[in-house]
Amino acid sequence: MPFVNIKMGKDGATPDQKAQLVKGVTQLLVDVLGKNPQTVMVLIEEIETDNWGLGGETVTARRRKAP
C-alpha cells in the first residue's frame, strides 16, 4: 500500500486544490508504478507558517517582509 505525505503551509491550497492533489498523486502512482488506486493513501498535512522555517526565520516572518 503506497503512502504519500504532502506537507504544505496551512494557507497553501483550497479544498478543491487539495482534492485535485489527492486525485493526481493517486493517478501518478497508478500510471508510473502500476499501483491499485484503492490502496493508495495520500495525506496532506497543513503546517502553520510559524512552525516552519527557511533561511533562519519562520515562513510567517518571511512572508511579512515580501513585497
Protein backbone atom coordinates (compact mmCIF):
# COMPACT_ATOMS: atom_id res chain seq x y z
CA MET A 1 0.00 0.00 0.00
CA PRO A 2 1.70 3.22 -1.12
CA PHE A 3 1.57 6.13 1.32
CA VAL A 4 2.27 9.69 0.13
CA ASN A 5 2.61 12.53 2.64
CA ILE A 6 2.30 16.08 1.29
CA LYS A 7 3.31 18.84 3.69
CA MET A 8 2.36 22.41 2.94
CA GLY A 9 1.62 25.72 4.59
CA LYS A 10 -1.82 25.97 6.10
CA ASP A 11 -2.74 28.69 3.62
CA GLY A 12 -1.30 26.70 0.72
CA ALA A 13 -4.38 25.36 -1.08
CA THR A 14 -8.15 25.42 -1.30
CA PRO A 15 -10.22 22.28 -0.56
CA ASP A 16 -10.73 21.83 -4.31
CA GLN A 17 -6.98 22.07 -4.98
CA LYS A 18 -6.30 19.51 -2.25
CA ALA A 19 -8.84 17.15 -3.79
CA GLN A 20 -7.07 17.58 -7.13
CA LEU A 21 -3.73 16.78 -5.46
CA VAL A 22 -5.12 13.57 -3.97
CA LYS A 23 -6.57 12.52 -7.32
CA GLY A 24 -3.45 13.46 -9.29
CA VAL A 25 -0.96 11.81 -6.93
CA THR A 26 -3.06 8.66 -6.88
CA GLN A 27 -3.19 8.59 -10.68
CA LEU A 28 0.57 9.15 -10.89
CA LEU A 29 1.21 6.06 -8.75
CA VAL A 30 -1.21 4.08 -10.91
CA ASP A 31 0.46 5.25 -14.14
CA VAL A 32 4.12 5.01 -13.08
CA LEU A 33 4.13 2.11 -10.63
CA GLY A 34 1.02 0.20 -11.66
CA LYS A 35 -0.49 0.53 -8.19
CA ASN A 36 -4.13 -0.21 -7.43
CA PRO A 37 -5.76 3.19 -6.79
CA GLN A 38 -7.85 1.66 -4.00
CA THR A 39 -4.68 1.02 -2.00
CA VAL A 40 -3.03 4.44 -2.47
CA MET A 41 -3.15 6.62 0.64
CA VAL A 42 -2.47 10.36 0.33
CA LEU A 43 -2.14 12.50 3.44
CA ILE A 44 -2.00 16.29 3.27
CA GLU A 45 -0.52 17.90 6.37
CA GLU A 46 -1.06 21.62 6.73
CA ILE A 47 1.60 23.32 8.82
CA GLU A 48 1.19 26.69 10.49
CA THR A 49 3.73 29.08 8.98
CA ASP A 50 5.03 29.89 12.50
CA ASN A 51 6.10 26.23 12.78
CA TRP A 52 8.15 26.17 9.60
CA GLY A 53 11.42 27.92 8.90
CA LEU A 54 13.59 28.76 5.93
CA GLY A 55 16.88 30.61 5.90
CA GLY A 56 16.90 31.09 9.67
CA GLU A 57 13.46 32.64 10.03
CA THR A 58 9.86 31.50 10.11
CA VAL A 59 7.81 31.46 6.94
CA THR A 60 5.42 33.90 8.64
CA ALA A 61 8.24 36.44 9.07
CA ARG A 62 9.48 35.90 5.51
CA ARG A 63 6.00 36.45 4.09
CA ARG A 64 5.55 39.65 6.11
CA LYS A 65 8.72 41.06 4.52
CA ALA A 66 7.77 40.03 0.95
CA PRO A 67 6.70 42.90 -1.34
